[in-house]
Amino acid sequence: MSTTKLRNIGPKSAAWLRQVGLRSEQDLIATGAVGAFMKVKRAGFKPSLNLLYSLEGALVGCHWQEIPEARRQQLVTEYETAVGELPAARGAQVAGPVHETRMQVDADDEETDEIRFGDD
């Protein structure tokens, strides 16, 4: 069965899944809801969490809105854990420390409209 025939999977979601190599129900079962969601996200698409819940619903055979809240939270936690374990992308810049710079206006400078930065 193709992903277009799965419950909860509309044409857009099916296209995303095909583009990341998930073309059948067996592919989705093997990858799991979280794994499939991650593949779609890493491919550059911008799915909402509804896709994650829809994938889970497709796997367990229910409408995505019937996924219990506890299971939804578990799926999100699994996704966040999996993302945290991913290696940083090559060439990606890692954010450094944040430095705060405050602008300081001296009373003498108010007349000349000069502004001095705190690092001066």
PDB file of N, CA and C in Angstrom:
ATOM      1  N   MET A   1       0.850  -1.176   0.000  1.00  0.00           N
ATOM      2  CA  MET A   1       0.000   0.000   0.000  1.00  0.00           C
ATOM      3  C   MET A   1       0.897   1.240   0.000  1.00  0.00           C
ATOM      4  N   SER A   2       0.563   2.203  -0.835  1.00  0.00           N
ATOM      5  CA  SER A   2       1.361   3.426  -0.892  1.00  0.00           C
ATOM      6  C   SER A   2       0.965   4.352   0.245  1.00  0.00           C
ATOM      7  N   THR A   3       1.815   5.328   0.523  1.00  0.00           N
ATOM      8  CA  THR A   3       1.534   6.269   1.614  1.00  0.00           C
ATOM      9  C   THR A   3       0.314   7.124   1.312  1.00  0.00           C
ATOM     10  N   THR A   4      -0.057   7.281   0.030  1.00  0.00           N
ATOM     11  CA  THR A   4      -1.238   8.089  -0.299  1.00  0.00           C
ATOM     12  C   THR A   4      -2.516   7.395   0.134  1.00  0.00           C
ATOM     13  N   LYS A   5      -2.464   6.101   0.363  1.00  0.00           N
ATOM     14  CA  LYS A   5      -3.651   5.344   0.766  1.00  0.00           C
ATOM     15  C   LYS A   5      -3.770   5.210   2.283  1.00  0.00           C
ATOM     16  N   LEU A   6      -2.793   5.691   3.019  1.00  0.00           N
ATOM     17  CA  LEU A   6      -2.817   5.570   4.479  1.00  0.00           C
ATOM     18  C   LEU A   6      -3.752   6.595   5.102  1.00  0.00           C
ATOM     19  N   ARG A   7      -4.366   6.186   6.175  1.00  0.00           N
ATOM     20  CA  ARG A   7      -5.246   7.076   6.927  1.00  0.00           C
ATOM     21  C   ARG A   7      -4.442   8.265   7.442  1.00  0.00           C
ATOM     22  N   ASN A   8      -5.014   9.447   7.408  1.00  0.00           N
ATOM     23  CA  ASN A   8      -4.422  10.700   7.900  1.00  0.00           C
ATOM     24  C   ASN A   8      -3.397  11.319   6.957  1.00  0.00           C
ATOM     25  N   ILE A   9      -3.012  10.631   5.906  1.00  0.00           N
ATOM     26  CA  ILE A   9      -1.947  11.123   5.035  1.00  0.00           C
ATOM     27  C   ILE A   9      -2.568  11.713   3.780  1.00  0.00           C
ATOM     28  N   GLY A  10      -2.535  13.042   3.697  1.00  0.00           N
ATOM     29  CA  GLY A  10      -3.071  13.736   2.538  1.00  0.00           C
ATOM     30  C   GLY A  10      -2.039  13.829   1.430  1.00  0.00           C
ATOM     31  N   PRO A  11      -2.414  14.468   0.336  1.00  0.00           N
ATOM     32  CA  PRO A  11      -1.512  14.548  -0.816  1.00  0.00           C
ATOM     33  C   PRO A  11      -0.177  15.237  -0.519  1.00  0.00           C
ATOM     34  N   LYS A  12      -0.210  16.318   0.243  1.00  0.00           N
ATOM     35  CA  LYS A  12       1.021  17.046   0.553  1.00  0.00           C
ATOM     36  C   LYS A  12       1.946  16.204   1.430  1.00  0.00           C
ATOM     37  N   SER A  13       1.377  15.601   2.458  1.00  0.00           N
ATOM     38  CA  SER A  13       2.178  14.748   3.346  1.00  0.00           C
ATOM     39  C   SER A  13       2.724  13.548   2.590  1.00  0.00           C
ATOM     40  N   ALA A  14       1.909  12.961   1.724  1.00  0.00           N
ATOM     41  CA  ALA A  14       2.356  11.813   0.933  1.00  0.00           C
ATOM     42  C   ALA A  14       3.510  12.209   0.020  1.00  0.00           C
ATOM     43  N   ALA A  15       3.427  13.409  -0.558  1.00  0.00           N
ATOM     44  CA  ALA A  15       4.512  13.887  -1.430  1.00  0.00           C
ATOM     45  C   ALA A  15       5.797  14.058  -0.632  1.00  0.00           C
ATOM     46  N   TRP A  16       5.696  14.636   0.566  1.00  0.00           N
ATOM     47  CA  TRP A  16       6.874  14.795   1.425  1.00  0.00           C
ATOM     48  C   TRP A  16       7.489  13.434   1.734  1.00  0.00           C
ATOM     49  N   LEU A  17       6.631  12.483   2.105  1.00  0.00           N
ATOM     50  CA  LEU A  17       7.119  11.151   2.461  1.00  0.00           C
ATOM     51  C   LEU A  17       7.807  10.488   1.266  1.00  0.00           C
ATOM     52  N   ARG A  18       7.206  10.598   0.083  1.00  0.00           N
ATOM     53  CA  ARG A  18       7.838  10.023  -1.117  1.00  0.00           C
ATOM     54  C   ARG A  18       9.203  10.655  -1.360  1.00  0.00           C
ATOM     55  N   GLN A  19       9.282  11.970  -1.174  1.00  0.00           N
ATOM     56  CA  GLN A  19      10.534  12.671  -1.452  1.00  0.00           C
ATOM     57  C   GLN A  19      11.645  12.302  -0.479  1.00  0.00           C
ATOM     58  N   VAL A  20      11.292  11.782   0.680  1.00  0.00           N
ATOM     59  CA  VAL A  20      12.333  11.341   1.630  1.00  0.00           C
ATOM     60  C   VAL A  20      12.502   9.825   1.609  1.00  0.00           C
ATOM     61  N   GLY A  21      11.908   9.179   0.598  1.00  0.00           N
ATOM     62  CA  GLY A  21      12.119   7.754   0.411  1.00  0.00           C
ATOM     63  C   GLY A  21      11.144   6.834   1.110  1.00  0.00           C
ATOM     64  N   LEU A  22      10.087   7.367   1.674  1.00  0.00           N
ATOM     65  CA  LEU A  22       9.078   6.543   2.350  1.00  0.00           C
ATOM     66  C   LEU A  22       7.869   6.431   1.422  1.00  0.00           C
ATOM     67  N   ARG A  23       7.801   5.306   0.707  1.00  0.00           N
ATOM     68  CA  ARG A  23       6.794   5.170  -0.348  1.00  0.00           C
ATOM     69  C   ARG A  23       5.694   4.158  -0.033  1.00  0.00           C
ATOM     70  N   SER A  24       5.852   3.417   1.046  1.00  0.00           N
ATOM     71  CA  SER A  24       4.859   2.388   1.352  1.00  0.00           C
ATOM     72  C   SER A  24       4.587   2.345   2.855  1.00  0.00           C
ATOM     73  N   GLU A  25       3.541   1.615   3.182  1.00  0.00           N
ATOM     74  CA  GLU A  25       3.212   1.422   4.594  1.00  0.00           C
ATOM     75  C   GLU A  25       4.353   0.702   5.305  1.00  0.00           C
ATOM     76  N   GLN A  26       4.988  -0.241   4.618  1.00  0.00           N
ATOM     77  CA  GLN A  26       6.114  -0.972   5.214  1.00  0.00           C
ATOM     78  C   GLN A  26       7.283  -0.020   5.510  1.00  0.00           C
ATOM     79  N   ASP A  27       7.525   0.928   4.610  1.00  0.00           N
ATOM     80  CA  ASP A  27       8.586   1.920   4.843  1.00  0.00           C
ATOM     81  C   ASP A  27       8.286   2.726   6.106  1.00  0.00           C
ATOM     82  N   LEU A  28       7.017   3.132   6.248  1.00  0.00           N
ATOM     83  CA  LEU A  28       6.625   3.926   7.410  1.00  0.00           C
ATOM     84  C   LEU A  28       6.723   3.102   8.689  1.00  0.00           C
ATOM     85  N   ILE A  29       6.303   1.863   8.635  1.00  0.00           N
ATOM     86  CA  ILE A  29       6.385   0.985   9.811  1.00  0.00           C
ATOM     87  C   ILE A  29       7.839   0.810  10.231  1.00  0.00           C
ATOM     88  N   ALA A  30       8.714   0.580   9.261  1.00  0.00           N
ATOM     89  CA  ALA A  30      10.130   0.370   9.569  1.00  0.00           C
ATOM     90  C   ALA A  30      10.782   1.615  10.149  1.00  0.00           C
ATOM     91  N   THR A  31      10.351   2.793   9.695  1.00  0.00           N
ATOM     92  CA  THR A  31      10.957   4.054  10.139  1.00  0.00           C
ATOM     93  C   THR A  31      10.321   4.573  11.416  1.00  0.00           C
ATOM     94  N   GLY A  32       9.039   4.337  11.587  1.00  0.00           N
ATOM     95  CA  GLY A  32       8.318   4.841  12.748  1.00  0.00           C
ATOM     96  C   GLY A  32       7.891   6.289  12.542  1.00  0.00           C
ATOM     97  N   ALA A  33       6.940   6.721  13.343  1.00  0.00           N
ATOM     98  CA  ALA A  33       6.389   8.068  13.201  1.00  0.00           C
ATOM     99  C   ALA A  33       7.453   9.136  13.440  1.00  0.00           C
ATOM    100  N   VAL A  34       8.229   8.979  14.498  1.00  0.00           N
ATOM    101  CA  VAL A  34       9.249   9.979  14.827  1.00  0.00           C
ATOM    102  C   VAL A  34      10.341  10.006  13.761  1.00  0.00           C
ATOM    103  N   GLY A  35      10.791   8.843  13.336  1.00  0.00           N
ATOM    104  CA  GLY A  35      11.826   8.776  12.306  1.00  0.00           C
ATOM    105  C   GLY A  35      11.366   9.397  10.998  1.00  0.00           C
ATOM    106  N   ALA A  36      10.122   9.119  10.613  1.00  0.00           N
ATOM    107  CA  ALA A  36       9.583   9.687   9.372  1.00  0.00           C
ATOM    108  C   ALA A  36       9.463  11.210   9.493  1.00  0.00           C
ATOM    109  N   PHE A  37       8.980  11.665  10.641  1.00  0.00           N
ATOM    110  CA  PHE A  37       8.846  13.108  10.869  1.00  0.00           C
ATOM    111  C   PHE A  37      10.209  13.789  10.777  1.00  0.00           C
ATOM    112  N   MET A  38      11.224  13.151  11.370  1.00  0.00           N
ATOM    113  CA  MET A  38      12.582  13.714  11.318  1.00  0.00           C
ATOM    114  C   MET A  38      13.103  13.783   9.885  1.00  0.00           C
ATOM    115  N   LYS A  39      12.842  12.748   9.106  1.00  0.00           N
ATOM    116  CA  LYS A  39      13.292  12.748   7.710  1.00  0.00           C
ATOM    117  C   LYS A  39      12.667  13.912   6.951  1.00  0.00           C
ATOM    118  N   VAL A  40      11.396  14.132   7.172  1.00  0.00           N
ATOM    119  CA  VAL A  40      10.697  15.233   6.489  1.00  0.00           C
ATOM    120  C   VAL A  40      11.284  16.575   6.921  1.00  0.00           C
ATOM    121  N   LYS A  41      11.501  16.750   8.211  1.00  0.00           N
ATOM    122  CA  LYS A  41      12.080  18.003   8.718  1.00  0.00           C
ATOM    123  C   LYS A  41      13.491  18.218   8.175  1.00  0.00           C
ATOM    124  N   ARG A  42      14.309  17.179   8.196  1.00  0.00           N
ATOM    125  CA  ARG A  42      15.700  17.304   7.748  1.00  0.00           C
ATOM    126  C   ARG A  42      15.801  17.543   6.245  1.00  0.00           C
ATOM    127  N   ALA A  43      14.749  17.183   5.515  1.00  0.00           N
ATOM    128  CA  ALA A  43      14.734  17.420   4.068  1.00  0.00           C
ATOM    129  C   ALA A  43      14.425  18.881   3.748  1.00  0.00           C
ATOM    130  N   GLY A  44      14.112  19.650   4.778  1.00  0.00           N
ATOM    131  CA  GLY A  44      13.875  21.075   4.570  1.00  0.00           C
ATOM    132  C   GLY A  44      12.411  21.471   4.539  1.00  0.00           C
ATOM    133  N   PHE A  45      11.526  20.500   4.655  1.00  0.00           N
ATOM    134  CA  PHE A  45      10.100  20.836   4.715  1.00  0.00           C
ATOM    135  C   PHE A  45       9.782  21.370   6.104  1.00  0.00           C
ATOM    136  N   LYS A  46       8.657  22.018   6.246  1.00  0.00           N
ATOM    137  CA  LYS A  46       8.294  22.622   7.522  1.00  0.00           C
ATOM    138  C   LYS A  46       6.955  22.078   8.023  1.00  0.00           C
ATOM    139  N   PRO A  47       6.941  20.800   8.398  1.00  0.00           N
ATOM    140  CA  PRO A  47       5.682  20.232   8.887  1.00  0.00           C
ATOM    141  C   PRO A  47       5.388  20.681  10.313  1.00  0.00           C
ATOM    142  N   SER A  48       4.114  20.714  10.644  1.00  0.00           N
ATOM    143  CA  SER A  48       3.727  20.987  12.028  1.00  0.00           C
ATOM    144  C   SER A  48       3.694  19.658  12.777  1.00  0.00           C
ATOM    145  N   LEU A  49       3.479  19.739  14.066  1.00  0.00           N
ATOM    146  CA  LEU A  49       3.388  18.514  14.861  1.00  0.00           C
ATOM    147  C   LEU A  49       2.193  17.669  14.449  1.00  0.00           C
ATOM    148  N   ASN A  50       1.225  18.269  13.752  1.00  0.00           N
ATOM    149  CA  ASN A  50       0.091  17.482  13.279  1.00  0.00           C
ATOM    150  C   ASN A  50       0.554  16.347  12.369  1.00  0.00           C
ATOM    151  N   LEU A  51       1.629  16.560  11.607  1.00  0.00           N
ATOM    152  CA  LEU A  51       2.143  15.478  10.770  1.00  0.00           C
ATOM    153  C   LEU A  51       2.651  14.338  11.648  1.00  0.00           C
ATOM    154  N   LEU A  52       3.332  14.667  12.707  1.00  0.00           N
ATOM    155  CA  LEU A  52       3.823  13.634  13.621  1.00  0.00           C
ATOM    156  C   LEU A  52       2.656  12.812  14.166  1.00  0.00           C
ATOM    157  N   TYR A  53       1.597  13.496  14.589  1.00  0.00           N
ATOM    158  CA  TYR A  53       0.426  12.805  15.126  1.00  0.00           C
ATOM    159  C   TYR A  53      -0.300  12.014  14.025  1.00  0.00           C
ATOM    160  N   SER A  54      -0.308  12.559  12.821  1.00  0.00           N
ATOM    161  CA  SER A  54      -0.933  11.858  11.692  1.00  0.00           C
ATOM    162  C   SER A  54      -0.180  10.584  11.356  1.00  0.00           C
ATOM    163  N   LEU A  55       1.127  10.645  11.389  1.00  0.00           N
ATOM    164  CA  LEU A  55       1.935   9.460  11.120  1.00  0.00           C
ATOM    165  C   LEU A  55       1.681   8.389  12.176  1.00  0.00           C
ATOM    166  N   GLU A  56       1.619   8.796  13.419  1.00  0.00           N
ATOM    167  CA  GLU A  56       1.328   7.846  14.501  1.00  0.00           C
ATOM    168  C   GLU A  56      -0.059   7.247  14.306  1.00  0.00           C
ATOM    169  N   GLY A  57      -1.033   8.093  13.961  1.00  0.00           N
ATOM    170  CA  GLY A  57      -2.389   7.596  13.711  1.00  0.00           C
ATOM    171  C   GLY A  57      -2.430   6.608  12.557  1.00  0.00           C
ATOM    172  N   ALA A  58      -1.648   6.886  11.510  1.00  0.00           N
ATOM    173  CA  ALA A  58      -1.582   5.970  10.371  1.00  0.00           C
ATOM    174  C   ALA A  58      -1.016   4.617  10.806  1.00  0.00           C
ATOM    175  N   LEU A  59      -0.066   4.648  11.706  1.00  0.00           N
ATOM    176  CA  LEU A  59       0.561   3.398  12.167  1.00  0.00           C
ATOM    177  C   LEU A  59      -0.348   2.589  13.089  1.00  0.00           C
ATOM    178  N   VAL A  60      -1.115   3.278  13.920  1.00  0.00           N
ATOM    179  CA  VAL A  60      -1.968   2.547  14.874  1.00  0.00           C
ATOM    180  C   VAL A  60      -3.404   2.411  14.389  1.00  0.00           C
ATOM    181  N   GLY A  61      -3.736   3.032  13.246  1.00  0.00           N
ATOM    182  CA  GLY A  61      -5.057   2.867  12.652  1.00  0.00           C
ATOM    183  C   GLY A  61      -6.155   3.709  13.258  1.00  0.00           C
ATOM    184  N   CYS A  62      -5.823   4.929  13.645  1.00  0.00           N
ATOM    185  CA  CYS A  62      -6.854   5.821  14.163  1.00  0.00           C
ATOM    186  C   CYS A  62      -6.669   7.225  13.591  1.00  0.00           C
ATOM    187  N   HIS A  63      -7.684   8.058  13.756  1.00  0.00           N
ATOM    188  CA  HIS A  63      -7.586   9.445  13.324  1.00  0.00           C
ATOM    189  C   HIS A  63      -6.561  10.144  14.204  1.00  0.00           C
ATOM    190  N   TRP A  64      -5.798  11.081  13.618  1.00  0.00           N
ATOM    191  CA  TRP A  64      -4.716  11.718  14.375  1.00  0.00           C
ATOM    192  C   TRP A  64      -5.216  12.459  15.602  1.00  0.00           C
ATOM    193  N   GLN A  65      -6.460  12.941  15.575  1.00  0.00           N
ATOM    194  CA  GLN A  65      -6.995  13.662  16.734  1.00  0.00           C
ATOM    195  C   GLN A  65      -7.343  12.721  17.889  1.00  0.00           C
ATOM    196  N   GLU A  66      -7.368  11.421  17.623  1.00  0.00           N
ATOM    197  CA  GLU A  66      -7.665  10.438  18.664  1.00  0.00           C
ATOM    198  C   GLU A  66      -6.416   9.988  19.415  1.00  0.00           C
ATOM    199  N   ILE A  67      -5.242  10.459  18.985  1.00  0.00           N
ATOM    200  CA  ILE A  67      -4.007  10.111  19.698  1.00  0.00           C
ATOM    201  C   ILE A  67      -4.092  10.751  21.088  1.00  0.00           C
ATOM    202  N   PRO A  68      -3.992   9.968  22.151  1.00  0.00           N
ATOM    203  CA  PRO A  68      -4.092  10.531  23.505  1.00  0.00           C
ATOM    204  C   PRO A  68      -2.992  11.566  23.777  1.00  0.00           C
ATOM    205  N   GLU A  69      -3.312  12.521  24.603  1.00  0.00           N
ATOM    206  CA  GLU A  69      -2.366  13.601  24.927  1.00  0.00           C
ATOM    207  C   GLU A  69      -1.064  13.049  25.491  1.00  0.00           C
ATOM    208  N   ALA A  70      -1.152  12.027  26.316  1.00  0.00           N
ATOM    209  CA  ALA A  70       0.070  11.449  26.893  1.00  0.00           C
ATOM    210  C   ALA A  70       0.968  10.888  25.785  1.00  0.00           C
ATOM    211  N   ARG A  71       0.370  10.242  24.787  1.00  0.00           N
ATOM    212  CA  ARG A  71       1.160   9.692  23.678  1.00  0.00           C
ATOM    213  C   ARG A  71       1.724  10.817  22.825  1.00  0.00           C
ATOM    214  N   ARG A  72       0.959  11.890  22.653  1.00  0.00           N
ATOM    215  CA  ARG A  72       1.463  13.045  21.895  1.00  0.00           C
ATOM    216  C   ARG A  72       2.712  13.620  22.564  1.00  0.00           C
ATOM    217  N   GLN A  73       2.635  13.779  23.868  1.00  0.00           N
ATOM    218  CA  GLN A  73       3.786  14.301  24.607  1.00  0.00           C
ATOM    219  C   GLN A  73       4.979  13.357  24.494  1.00  0.00           C
ATOM    220  N   GLN A  74       4.712  12.069  24.529  1.00  0.00           N
ATOM    221  CA  GLN A  74       5.778  11.081  24.392  1.00  0.00           C
ATOM    222  C   GLN A  74       6.427  11.189  23.007  1.00  0.00           C
ATOM    223  N   LEU A  75       5.634  11.361  21.966  1.00  0.00           N
ATOM    224  CA  LEU A  75       6.166  11.507  20.609  1.00  0.00           C
ATOM    225  C   LEU A  75       7.053  12.745  20.493  1.00  0.00           C
ATOM    226  N   VAL A  76       6.578  13.848  21.065  1.00  0.00           N
ATOM    227  CA  VAL A  76       7.354  15.091  21.020  1.00  0.00           C
ATOM    228  C   VAL A  76       8.664  14.912  21.781  1.00  0.00           C
ATOM    229  N   THR A  77       8.611  14.277  22.928  1.00  0.00           N
ATOM    230  CA  THR A  77       9.822  14.024  23.715  1.00  0.00           C
ATOM    231  C   THR A  77      10.797  13.137  22.941  1.00  0.00           C
ATOM    232  N   GLU A  78      10.288  12.097  22.296  1.00  0.00           N
ATOM    233  CA  GLU A  78      11.141  11.222  21.485  1.00  0.00           C
ATOM    234  C   GLU A  78      11.787  12.011  20.351  1.00  0.00           C
ATOM    235  N   TYR A  79      11.011  12.880  19.716  1.00  0.00           N
ATOM    236  CA  TYR A  79      11.545  13.698  18.628  1.00  0.00           C
ATOM    237  C   TYR A  79      12.646  14.628  19.141  1.00  0.00           C
ATOM    238  N   GLU A  80      12.383  15.330  20.242  1.00  0.00           N
ATOM    239  CA  GLU A  80      13.368  16.262  20.793  1.00  0.00           C
ATOM    240  C   GLU A  80      14.642  15.527  21.218  1.00  0.00           C
ATOM    241  N   THR A  81      14.501  14.343  21.788  1.00  0.00           N
ATOM    242  CA  THR A  81      15.663  13.547  22.180  1.00  0.00           C
ATOM    243  C   THR A  81      16.469  13.139  20.952  1.00  0.00           C
ATOM    244  N   ALA A  82      15.775  12.694  19.925  1.00  0.00           N
ATOM    245  CA  ALA A  82      16.453  12.269  18.696  1.00  0.00           C
ATOM    246  C   ALA A  82      17.172  13.431  18.034  1.00  0.00           C
ATOM    247  N   VAL A  83      16.558  14.601  18.027  1.00  0.00           N
ATOM    248  CA  VAL A  83      17.195  15.785  17.435  1.00  0.00           C
ATOM    249  C   VAL A  83      18.439  16.162  18.231  1.00  0.00           C
ATOM    250  N   GLY A  84      18.365  16.068  19.537  1.00  0.00           N
ATOM    251  CA  GLY A  84      19.510  16.393  20.390  1.00  0.00           C
ATOM    252  C   GLY A  84      20.687  15.456  20.183  1.00  0.00           C
ATOM    253  N   GLU A  85      20.434  14.260  19.702  1.00  0.00           N
ATOM    254  CA  GLU A  85      21.502  13.282  19.480  1.00  0.00           C
ATOM    255  C   GLU A  85      22.130  13.389  18.098  1.00  0.00           C
ATOM    256  N   LEU A  86      21.555  14.217  17.230  1.00  0.00           N
ATOM    257  CA  LEU A  86      22.097  14.365  15.880  1.00  0.00           C
ATOM    258  C   LEU A  86      23.423  15.111  15.916  1.00  0.00           C
ATOM    259  N   PRO A  87      24.361  14.709  15.072  1.00  0.00           N
ATOM    260  CA  PRO A  87      25.612  15.475  14.988  1.00  0.00           C
ATOM    261  C   PRO A  87      25.343  16.820  14.326  1.00  0.00           C
ATOM    262  N   ALA A  88      26.155  17.796  14.671  1.00  0.00           N
ATOM    263  CA  ALA A  88      26.001  19.118  14.063  1.00  0.00           C
ATOM    264  C   ALA A  88      26.300  19.005  12.575  1.00  0.00           C
ATOM    265  N   ALA A  89      25.576  19.766  11.776  1.00  0.00           N
ATOM    266  CA  ALA A  89      25.793  19.740  10.332  1.00  0.00           C
ATOM    267  C   ALA A  89      27.177  20.287  10.008  1.00  0.00           C
ATOM    268  N   ARG A  90      27.785  19.717   8.980  1.00  0.00           N
ATOM    269  CA  ARG A  90      29.105  20.195   8.564  1.00  0.00           C
ATOM    270  C   ARG A  90      29.031  21.652   8.160  1.00  0.00           C
ATOM    271  N   GLY A  91      29.997  22.393   8.606  1.00  0.00           N
ATOM    272  CA  GLY A  91      30.070  23.795   8.235  1.00  0.00           C
ATOM    273  C   GLY A  91      29.082  24.681   8.974  1.00  0.00           C
ATOM    274  N   ALA A  92      28.226  24.070   9.781  1.00  0.00           N
ATOM    275  CA  ALA A  92      27.264  24.883  10.521  1.00  0.00           C
ATOM    276  C   ALA A  92      27.985  25.627  11.629  1.00  0.00           C
ATOM    277  N   GLN A  93      27.637  26.851  11.787  1.00  0.00           N
ATOM    278  CA  GLN A  93      28.257  27.642  12.836  1.00  0.00           C
ATOM    279  C   GLN A  93      27.529  27.389  14.140  1.00  0.00           C
ATOM    280  N   VAL A  94      28.287  27.169  15.154  1.00  0.00           N
ATOM    281  CA  VAL A  94      27.725  26.968  16.477  1.00  0.00           C
ATOM    282  C   VAL A  94      27.682  28.332  17.147  1.00  0.00           C
ATOM    283  N   ALA A  95      26.566  28.628  17.739  1.00  0.00           N
ATOM    284  CA  ALA A  95      26.416  29.924  18.386  1.00  0.00           C
ATOM    285  C   ALA A  95      27.405  30.067  19.531  1.00  0.00           C
ATOM    286  N   GLY A  96      28.027  31.217  19.605  1.00  0.00           N
ATOM    287  CA  GLY A  96      28.965  31.497  20.675  1.00  0.00           C
ATOM    288  C   GLY A  96      28.281  32.236  21.804  1.00  0.00           C
ATOM    289  N   PRO A  97      29.050  32.682  22.763  1.00  0.00           N
ATOM    290  CA  PRO A  97      28.466  33.413  23.880  1.00  0.00           C
ATOM    291  C   PRO A  97      27.884  34.743  23.414  1.00  0.00           C
ATOM    292  N   VAL A  98      26.871  35.164  24.114  1.00  0.00           N
ATOM    293  CA  VAL A  98      26.217  36.428  23.786  1.00  0.00           C
ATOM    294  C   VAL A  98      26.825  37.517  24.653  1.00  0.00           C
ATOM    295  N   HIS A  99      27.212  38.616  24.021  1.00  0.00           N
ATOM    296  CA  HIS A  99      27.744  39.763  24.750  1.00  0.00           C
ATOM    297  C   HIS A  99      26.765  40.909  24.628  1.00  0.00           C
ATOM    298  N   GLU A 100      26.510  41.538  25.730  1.00  0.00           N
ATOM    299  CA  GLU A 100      25.576  42.646  25.724  1.00  0.00           C
ATOM    300  C   GLU A 100      26.353  43.953  25.643  1.00  0.00           C
ATOM    301  N   THR A 101      25.949  44.803  24.730  1.00  0.00           N
ATOM    302  CA  THR A 101      26.565  46.116  24.596  1.00  0.00           C
ATOM    303  C   THR A 101      25.503  47.155  24.905  1.00  0.00           C
ATOM    304  N   ARG A 102      25.795  48.016  25.825  1.00  0.00           N
ATOM    305  CA  ARG A 102      24.840  49.062  26.188  1.00  0.00           C
ATOM    306  C   ARG A 102      25.332  50.403  25.670  1.00  0.00           C
ATOM    307  N   MET A 103      24.411  51.174  25.200  1.00  0.00           N
ATOM    308  CA  MET A 103      24.767  52.509  24.729  1.00  0.00           C
ATOM    309  C   MET A 103      24.738  53.457  25.915  1.00  0.00           C
ATOM    310  N   GLN A 104      25.720  54.313  25.955  1.00  0.00           N
ATOM    311  CA  GLN A 104      25.837  55.256  27.058  1.00  0.00           C
ATOM    312  C   GLN A 104      25.879  56.664  26.468  1.00  0.00           C
ATOM    313  N   VAL A 105      25.010  57.507  26.954  1.00  0.00           N
ATOM    314  CA  VAL A 105      25.006  58.893  26.496  1.00  0.00           C
ATOM    315  C   VAL A 105      25.490  59.746  27.662  1.00  0.00           C
ATOM    316  N   ASP A 106      26.613  60.446  27.443  1.00  0.00           N
ATOM    317  CA  ASP A 106      27.132  61.341  28.467  1.00  0.00           C
ATOM    318  C   ASP A 106      26.406  62.677  28.371  1.00  0.00           C
ATOM    319  N   ALA A 107      26.314  63.361  29.489  1.00  0.00           N
ATOM    320  CA  ALA A 107      25.647  64.661  29.515  1.00  0.00           C
ATOM    321  C   ALA A 107      26.305  65.636  28.542  1.00  0.00           C
ATOM    322  N   ASP A 108      27.656  65.571  28.427  1.00  0.00           N
ATOM    323  CA  ASP A 108      28.362  66.460  27.506  1.00  0.00           C
ATOM    324  C   ASP A 108      28.043  66.123  26.047  1.00  0.00           C
ATOM    325  N   ASP A 109      27.775  64.859  25.779  1.00  0.00           N
ATOM    326  CA  ASP A 109      27.542  64.415  24.406  1.00  0.00           C
ATOM    327  C   ASP A 109      26.137  64.742  23.920  1.00  0.00           C
ATOM    328  N   GLU A 110      25.206  65.006  24.834  1.00  0.00           N
ATOM    329  CA  GLU A 110      23.828  65.279  24.425  1.00  0.00           C
ATOM    330  C   GLU A 110      23.765  66.485  23.500  1.00  0.00           C
ATOM    331  N   GLU A 111      24.617  67.445  23.733  1.00  0.00           N
ATOM    332  CA  GLU A 111      24.590  68.648  22.902  1.00  0.00           C
ATOM    333  C   GLU A 111      25.115  68.377  21.496  1.00  0.00           C
ATOM    334  N   THR A 112      26.035  67.441  21.349  1.00  0.00           N
ATOM    335  CA  THR A 112      26.630  67.168  20.040  1.00  0.00           C
ATOM    336  C   THR A 112      26.026  65.941  19.370  1.00  0.00           C
ATOM    337  N   ASP A 113      25.060  65.311  20.009  1.00  0.00           N
ATOM    338  CA  ASP A 113      24.408  64.110  19.492  1.00  0.00           C
ATOM    339  C   ASP A 113      25.370  62.948  19.286  1.00  0.00           C
ATOM    340  N   GLU A 114      26.469  62.906  20.023  1.00  0.00           N
ATOM    341  CA  GLU A 114      27.382  61.781  19.945  1.00  0.00           C
ATOM    342  C   GLU A 114      26.920  60.691  20.918  1.00  0.00           C
ATOM    343  N   ILE A 115      27.027  59.490  20.476  1.00  0.00           N
ATOM    344  CA  ILE A 115      26.660  58.354  21.330  1.00  0.00           C
ATOM    345  C   ILE A 115      27.897  57.487  21.501  1.00  0.00           C
ATOM    346  N   ARG A 116      28.177  57.162  22.742  1.00  0.00           N
ATOM    347  CA  ARG A 116      29.333  56.321  23.039  1.00  0.00           C
ATOM    348  C   ARG A 116      28.839  54.943  23.430  1.00  0.00           C
ATOM    349  N   PHE A 117      29.526  53.941  22.942  1.00  0.00           N
ATOM    350  CA  PHE A 117      29.188  52.587  23.283  1.00  0.00           C
ATOM    351  C   PHE A 117      29.936  52.192  24.533  1.00  0.00           C
ATOM    352  N   GLY A 118      29.350  51.273  25.311  1.00  0.00           N
ATOM    353  CA  GLY A 118      29.927  50.850  26.584  1.00  0.00           C
ATOM    354  C   GLY A 118      31.303  50.239  26.447  1.00  0.00           C
ATOM    355  N   ASP A 119      31.694  49.770  25.275  1.00  0.00           N
ATOM    356  CA  ASP A 119      33.000  49.154  25.097  1.00  0.00           C
ATOM    357  C   ASP A 119      34.091  50.184  24.852  1.00  0.00           C
ATOM    358  N   ASP A 120      33.751  51.440  24.634  1.00  0.00           N
ATOM    359  CA  ASP A 120      34.744  52.493  24.346  1.00  0.00           C
ATOM    360  C   ASP A 120      35.512  52.884  25.586  1.00  0.00           C
TER     361      ASP A 120
END
